[in-house]
């Protein structure tokens, strides 16, 4: 289902615009990865426990748990077939995610997300 709002990659502001295809899938992924656990009152189990009053993922030092939760949230995103490769960098309460994804259209995408924004690039085979 196409979205009628576009997520700006650098500011993460929503603007009017038509989004479909792989851009829609990746926008959906960014929304899921940025959602704080319990933030949405209609589905309090959705999201990742990033902060959780200082006890969340960014306050933790357990990189394995962080990676597992990010991978699970990514795989549960509609339109993402598989996570082909994933690497994360955790430095002083900031997190960078690098992933290569296989989308449902059999398209490979390199995806990077930081606190400053996100970017993606189609992988040419």
N, C-alpha and C. Protein backbone atom coordinates (compact mmCIF):
# COMPACT_ATOMS: atom_id res chain seq x y z
N UNK A 1 0.84 -1.17 0.00
CA UNK A 1 0.00 0.00 0.00
C UNK A 1 0.89 1.24 0.00
N UNK A 2 0.85 2.05 -1.01
CA UNK A 2 1.69 3.25 -1.09
C UNK A 2 1.36 4.25 0.01
N UNK A 3 2.36 4.95 0.44
CA UNK A 3 2.19 5.98 1.45
C UNK A 3 2.04 7.33 0.76
N UNK A 4 1.31 8.23 1.38
CA UNK A 4 1.19 9.57 0.82
C UNK A 4 2.02 10.57 1.61
N UNK A 5 2.92 10.08 2.44
CA UNK A 5 3.87 10.92 3.17
C UNK A 5 5.27 10.40 2.90
N UNK A 6 6.19 11.31 2.73
CA UNK A 6 7.59 10.95 2.45
C UNK A 6 8.42 11.30 3.70
N UNK A 7 9.28 10.37 4.11
CA UNK A 7 10.16 10.57 5.24
C UNK A 7 11.49 11.09 4.72
N UNK A 8 11.87 12.30 5.14
CA UNK A 8 13.13 12.89 4.69
C UNK A 8 14.28 12.11 5.33
N UNK A 9 15.25 11.62 4.53
CA UNK A 9 16.33 10.78 5.06
C UNK A 9 17.22 11.47 6.10
N UNK A 10 17.41 12.76 6.01
CA UNK A 10 18.32 13.43 6.94
C UNK A 10 17.61 14.02 8.15
N UNK A 11 16.46 14.63 7.97
CA UNK A 11 15.77 15.26 9.10
C UNK A 11 14.72 14.35 9.72
N UNK A 12 14.31 13.32 9.00
CA UNK A 12 13.24 12.39 9.39
C UNK A 12 11.90 13.11 9.56
N UNK A 13 11.76 14.24 8.88
CA UNK A 13 10.48 14.95 8.86
C UNK A 13 9.58 14.32 7.80
N UNK A 14 8.29 14.32 8.06
CA UNK A 14 7.32 13.83 7.09
C UNK A 14 6.85 15.00 6.24
N UNK A 15 6.85 14.80 4.93
CA UNK A 15 6.36 15.81 4.00
C UNK A 15 5.38 15.14 3.04
N UNK A 16 4.61 15.93 2.34
CA UNK A 16 3.69 15.39 1.36
C UNK A 16 4.48 14.78 0.22
N UNK A 17 4.06 13.65 -0.26
CA UNK A 17 4.74 12.98 -1.36
C UNK A 17 4.28 11.55 -1.46
N UNK A 18 4.48 10.95 -2.61
CA UNK A 18 4.02 9.59 -2.87
C UNK A 18 5.21 8.64 -2.76
N UNK A 19 5.09 7.61 -1.94
CA UNK A 19 6.17 6.65 -1.73
C UNK A 19 5.64 5.25 -2.00
N UNK A 20 6.32 4.51 -2.87
CA UNK A 20 5.95 3.12 -3.11
C UNK A 20 7.20 2.30 -3.43
N UNK A 21 7.02 1.00 -3.66
CA UNK A 21 8.14 0.14 -4.01
C UNK A 21 9.15 0.01 -2.88
N UNK A 22 10.43 -0.07 -3.25
CA UNK A 22 11.46 -0.28 -2.23
C UNK A 22 11.59 0.92 -1.29
N UNK A 23 11.29 2.11 -1.79
CA UNK A 23 11.34 3.29 -0.92
C UNK A 23 10.30 3.18 0.19
N UNK A 24 9.14 2.65 -0.14
CA UNK A 24 8.09 2.45 0.87
C UNK A 24 8.54 1.43 1.91
N UNK A 25 9.14 0.34 1.46
CA UNK A 25 9.61 -0.71 2.38
C UNK A 25 10.67 -0.15 3.33
N UNK A 26 11.63 0.59 2.78
CA UNK A 26 12.70 1.12 3.61
C UNK A 26 12.20 2.22 4.55
N UNK A 27 11.23 2.99 4.12
CA UNK A 27 10.62 3.99 4.99
C UNK A 27 9.89 3.30 6.13
N UNK A 28 9.23 2.21 5.84
CA UNK A 28 8.54 1.43 6.87
C UNK A 28 9.57 0.87 7.87
N UNK A 29 10.73 0.39 7.37
CA UNK A 29 11.78 -0.13 8.23
C UNK A 29 12.32 0.95 9.16
N UNK A 30 12.61 2.13 8.63
CA UNK A 30 13.13 3.22 9.44
C UNK A 30 12.14 3.58 10.54
N UNK A 31 10.86 3.61 10.20
CA UNK A 31 9.83 3.92 11.19
C UNK A 31 9.83 2.88 12.30
N UNK A 32 9.94 1.61 11.94
CA UNK A 32 9.95 0.54 12.93
C UNK A 32 11.19 0.60 13.82
N UNK A 33 12.35 0.84 13.22
CA UNK A 33 13.58 0.87 14.01
C UNK A 33 13.67 2.09 14.92
N UNK A 34 13.01 3.17 14.57
CA UNK A 34 13.05 4.38 15.39
C UNK A 34 11.98 4.42 16.47
N UNK A 35 11.00 3.54 16.39
CA UNK A 35 9.91 3.57 17.37
C UNK A 35 10.40 3.04 18.71
N UNK A 36 10.18 3.81 19.75
CA UNK A 36 10.51 3.41 21.12
C UNK A 36 9.44 2.42 21.62
N UNK A 37 9.87 1.38 22.29
CA UNK A 37 8.94 0.40 22.83
C UNK A 37 7.90 1.08 23.72
N UNK A 38 6.64 0.82 23.46
CA UNK A 38 5.55 1.39 24.24
C UNK A 38 5.14 2.79 23.82
N UNK A 39 5.79 3.34 22.81
CA UNK A 39 5.52 4.71 22.37
C UNK A 39 4.13 4.87 21.76
N UNK A 40 3.69 3.87 21.00
CA UNK A 40 2.40 3.96 20.32
C UNK A 40 1.33 3.35 21.21
N UNK A 41 0.38 4.15 21.63
CA UNK A 41 -0.62 3.71 22.60
C UNK A 41 -1.53 2.60 22.07
N UNK A 42 -1.66 2.46 20.76
CA UNK A 42 -2.51 1.41 20.21
C UNK A 42 -1.82 0.05 20.16
N UNK A 43 -0.49 0.05 20.21
CA UNK A 43 0.28 -1.21 20.19
C UNK A 43 1.53 -1.01 21.03
N UNK A 44 1.39 -1.18 22.34
CA UNK A 44 2.49 -0.88 23.25
C UNK A 44 3.64 -1.89 23.17
N UNK A 45 3.43 -3.02 22.49
CA UNK A 45 4.52 -4.00 22.34
C UNK A 45 5.35 -3.73 21.09
N UNK A 46 4.99 -2.73 20.28
CA UNK A 46 5.73 -2.41 19.07
C UNK A 46 6.91 -1.51 19.40
N UNK A 47 8.01 -1.72 18.69
CA UNK A 47 9.18 -0.86 18.83
C UNK A 47 10.34 -1.53 19.54
N UNK A 48 11.41 -0.77 19.70
CA UNK A 48 12.63 -1.24 20.35
C UNK A 48 12.85 -0.45 21.64
N UNK A 49 13.34 -1.11 22.69
CA UNK A 49 13.55 -0.42 23.97
C UNK A 49 14.85 0.38 23.96
N UNK A 50 14.90 1.45 23.18
CA UNK A 50 16.14 2.23 23.05
C UNK A 50 16.55 2.87 24.36
N UNK A 51 15.64 3.55 25.04
CA UNK A 51 15.99 4.34 26.23
C UNK A 51 15.47 3.72 27.52
N UNK A 52 14.19 3.55 27.63
CA UNK A 52 13.55 2.91 28.78
C UNK A 52 14.12 3.38 30.12
N UNK A 53 14.06 4.69 30.34
CA UNK A 53 14.51 5.31 31.59
C UNK A 53 15.95 4.94 31.95
N UNK A 54 16.83 4.98 30.96
CA UNK A 54 18.25 4.71 31.19
C UNK A 54 18.62 3.24 31.22
N UNK A 55 17.64 2.36 31.13
CA UNK A 55 17.91 0.92 31.20
C UNK A 55 17.70 0.23 29.85
N UNK A 56 17.53 0.99 28.79
CA UNK A 56 17.25 0.42 27.48
C UNK A 56 18.50 0.00 26.74
N UNK A 57 18.34 -0.22 25.44
CA UNK A 57 19.42 -0.72 24.60
C UNK A 57 20.64 0.19 24.61
N UNK A 58 20.43 1.49 24.54
CA UNK A 58 21.57 2.41 24.50
C UNK A 58 22.26 2.54 25.85
N UNK A 59 21.61 2.15 26.93
CA UNK A 59 22.25 2.13 28.23
C UNK A 59 22.92 0.81 28.53
N UNK A 60 22.64 -0.18 27.70
CA UNK A 60 23.18 -1.53 27.87
C UNK A 60 24.52 -1.65 27.15
N UNK A 61 25.27 -2.63 27.53
CA UNK A 61 26.52 -2.92 26.84
C UNK A 61 26.44 -4.27 26.11
N UNK A 62 25.25 -4.86 26.05
CA UNK A 62 25.09 -6.17 25.45
C UNK A 62 24.77 -6.03 23.96
N UNK A 63 25.81 -5.99 23.14
CA UNK A 63 25.67 -5.80 21.70
C UNK A 63 24.91 -6.96 21.05
N UNK A 64 25.08 -8.16 21.56
CA UNK A 64 24.38 -9.32 21.00
C UNK A 64 22.87 -9.15 21.09
N UNK A 65 22.38 -8.70 22.24
CA UNK A 65 20.94 -8.50 22.43
C UNK A 65 20.44 -7.39 21.51
N UNK A 66 21.20 -6.29 21.43
CA UNK A 66 20.83 -5.19 20.53
C UNK A 66 20.70 -5.69 19.10
N UNK A 67 21.71 -6.40 18.62
CA UNK A 67 21.70 -6.89 17.25
C UNK A 67 20.55 -7.85 17.00
N UNK A 68 20.28 -8.71 17.96
CA UNK A 68 19.19 -9.67 17.82
C UNK A 68 17.84 -8.95 17.70
N UNK A 69 17.61 -7.93 18.53
CA UNK A 69 16.35 -7.18 18.49
C UNK A 69 16.21 -6.39 17.19
N UNK A 70 17.31 -5.79 16.72
CA UNK A 70 17.27 -5.04 15.46
C UNK A 70 17.00 -5.98 14.30
N UNK A 71 17.65 -7.14 14.29
CA UNK A 71 17.43 -8.13 13.23
C UNK A 71 15.97 -8.61 13.23
N UNK A 72 15.43 -8.88 14.42
CA UNK A 72 14.04 -9.34 14.51
C UNK A 72 13.07 -8.28 13.99
N UNK A 73 13.29 -7.03 14.40
CA UNK A 73 12.41 -5.95 13.96
C UNK A 73 12.49 -5.76 12.44
N UNK A 74 13.69 -5.92 11.89
CA UNK A 74 13.89 -5.80 10.44
C UNK A 74 13.18 -6.92 9.71
N UNK A 75 13.36 -8.15 10.17
CA UNK A 75 12.73 -9.30 9.51
C UNK A 75 11.21 -9.25 9.58
N UNK A 76 10.68 -8.59 10.60
CA UNK A 76 9.23 -8.48 10.75
C UNK A 76 8.64 -7.30 9.98
N UNK A 77 9.48 -6.59 9.24
CA UNK A 77 9.01 -5.46 8.43
C UNK A 77 8.42 -5.98 7.13
N UNK A 78 7.20 -5.59 6.84
CA UNK A 78 6.54 -6.01 5.60
C UNK A 78 7.36 -5.55 4.40
N UNK A 79 7.69 -6.48 3.51
CA UNK A 79 8.46 -6.17 2.32
C UNK A 79 9.92 -6.60 2.40
N UNK A 80 10.41 -6.89 3.60
CA UNK A 80 11.77 -7.38 3.77
C UNK A 80 11.72 -8.91 3.78
N UNK A 81 12.39 -9.52 2.82
CA UNK A 81 12.43 -10.97 2.73
C UNK A 81 13.45 -11.55 3.72
N UNK A 82 14.69 -11.01 3.69
CA UNK A 82 15.76 -11.53 4.56
C UNK A 82 16.79 -10.44 4.85
N UNK A 83 17.49 -10.64 5.96
CA UNK A 83 18.67 -9.84 6.26
C UNK A 83 19.86 -10.68 5.79
N UNK A 84 20.54 -10.23 4.73
CA UNK A 84 21.65 -10.98 4.17
C UNK A 84 22.94 -10.77 4.97
N UNK A 85 23.17 -9.57 5.42
CA UNK A 85 24.35 -9.25 6.22
C UNK A 85 24.00 -8.09 7.13
N UNK A 86 24.64 -8.08 8.31
CA UNK A 86 24.37 -7.00 9.25
C UNK A 86 25.61 -6.73 10.08
N UNK A 87 25.91 -5.46 10.27
CA UNK A 87 27.00 -5.05 11.14
C UNK A 87 26.53 -3.81 11.88
N UNK A 88 26.84 -3.75 13.16
CA UNK A 88 26.45 -2.59 13.95
C UNK A 88 27.68 -2.05 14.67
N UNK A 89 27.68 -0.75 14.89
CA UNK A 89 28.76 -0.10 15.63
C UNK A 89 28.13 0.68 16.77
N UNK A 90 28.60 0.42 17.97
CA UNK A 90 28.07 1.05 19.17
C UNK A 90 29.18 1.87 19.81
N UNK A 91 29.02 3.19 19.81
CA UNK A 91 30.00 4.09 20.42
C UNK A 91 29.31 5.10 21.32
N UNK A 92 29.59 5.04 22.57
CA UNK A 92 29.14 6.05 23.53
C UNK A 92 27.68 6.46 23.32
N UNK A 93 26.79 5.53 23.49
CA UNK A 93 25.35 5.76 23.41
C UNK A 93 24.86 6.18 22.03
N UNK A 94 25.62 5.92 20.98
CA UNK A 94 25.14 6.12 19.61
C UNK A 94 25.32 4.81 18.87
N UNK A 95 24.43 4.57 17.94
CA UNK A 95 24.39 3.28 17.27
C UNK A 95 24.30 3.49 15.77
N UNK A 96 25.13 2.77 15.01
CA UNK A 96 25.07 2.79 13.56
C UNK A 96 24.76 1.38 13.08
N UNK A 97 23.82 1.28 12.16
CA UNK A 97 23.38 -0.02 11.65
C UNK A 97 23.70 -0.07 10.16
N UNK A 98 24.42 -1.11 9.75
CA UNK A 98 24.69 -1.39 8.34
C UNK A 98 24.05 -2.74 8.02
N UNK A 99 23.23 -2.79 6.99
CA UNK A 99 22.59 -4.05 6.61
C UNK A 99 22.53 -4.19 5.10
N UNK A 100 22.60 -5.42 4.63
CA UNK A 100 22.25 -5.72 3.25
C UNK A 100 20.98 -6.55 3.34
N UNK A 101 19.95 -6.07 2.65
CA UNK A 101 18.63 -6.67 2.73
C UNK A 101 18.21 -7.25 1.39
N UNK A 102 17.45 -8.31 1.44
CA UNK A 102 16.78 -8.85 0.26
C UNK A 102 15.31 -8.50 0.41
N UNK A 103 14.80 -7.71 -0.52
CA UNK A 103 13.40 -7.30 -0.48
C UNK A 103 12.55 -8.31 -1.23
N UNK A 104 11.23 -8.22 -1.06
CA UNK A 104 10.34 -9.19 -1.67
C UNK A 104 10.38 -9.18 -3.19
N UNK A 105 10.83 -8.11 -3.80
CA UNK A 105 10.94 -8.04 -5.26
C UNK A 105 12.26 -8.65 -5.74
N UNK A 106 12.94 -9.47 -4.91
CA UNK A 106 14.25 -10.04 -5.22
C UNK A 106 15.28 -8.97 -5.52
N UNK A 107 15.21 -7.89 -4.79
CA UNK A 107 16.12 -6.78 -4.97
C UNK A 107 16.98 -6.64 -3.71
N UNK A 108 18.30 -6.52 -3.92
CA UNK A 108 19.22 -6.33 -2.79
C UNK A 108 19.47 -4.85 -2.57
N UNK A 109 19.50 -4.48 -1.29
CA UNK A 109 19.67 -3.08 -0.93
C UNK A 109 20.67 -2.99 0.22
N UNK A 110 21.64 -2.08 0.11
CA UNK A 110 22.51 -1.73 1.23
C UNK A 110 21.82 -0.61 1.99
N UNK A 111 21.67 -0.78 3.29
CA UNK A 111 20.92 0.15 4.13
C UNK A 111 21.81 0.57 5.30
N UNK A 112 21.88 1.88 5.56
CA UNK A 112 22.64 2.40 6.70
C UNK A 112 21.75 3.36 7.47
N UNK A 113 21.77 3.22 8.80
CA UNK A 113 20.99 4.12 9.64
C UNK A 113 21.85 4.58 10.81
N UNK A 114 21.89 5.88 11.03
CA UNK A 114 22.59 6.48 12.16
C UNK A 114 21.63 7.42 12.87
N UNK A 115 22.11 8.07 13.91
CA UNK A 115 21.29 9.07 14.59
C UNK A 115 20.99 10.26 13.69
N UNK A 116 21.90 10.54 12.75
CA UNK A 116 21.72 11.68 11.86
C UNK A 116 20.75 11.42 10.73
N UNK A 117 20.52 10.18 10.37
CA UNK A 117 19.61 9.89 9.26
C UNK A 117 19.82 8.49 8.73
N UNK A 118 19.32 8.25 7.53
CA UNK A 118 19.45 6.94 6.92
C UNK A 118 19.70 7.11 5.44
N UNK A 119 20.27 6.07 4.83
CA UNK A 119 20.46 6.07 3.39
C UNK A 119 20.41 4.62 2.90
N UNK A 120 20.14 4.48 1.63
CA UNK A 120 20.12 3.15 1.05
C UNK A 120 20.59 3.24 -0.39
N UNK A 121 21.03 2.09 -0.89
CA UNK A 121 21.55 2.01 -2.25
C UNK A 121 21.27 0.62 -2.79
N UNK A 122 20.76 0.55 -4.01
CA UNK A 122 20.49 -0.74 -4.64
C UNK A 122 21.81 -1.41 -4.98
N UNK A 123 21.89 -2.71 -4.71
CA UNK A 123 23.08 -3.48 -5.02
C UNK A 123 22.95 -4.01 -6.43
N UNK A 124 23.90 -3.71 -7.29
CA UNK A 124 23.90 -4.21 -8.65
C UNK A 124 24.56 -5.59 -8.65
N UNK A 125 23.92 -6.54 -9.28
CA UNK A 125 24.47 -7.91 -9.31
C UNK A 125 25.26 -8.15 -10.56
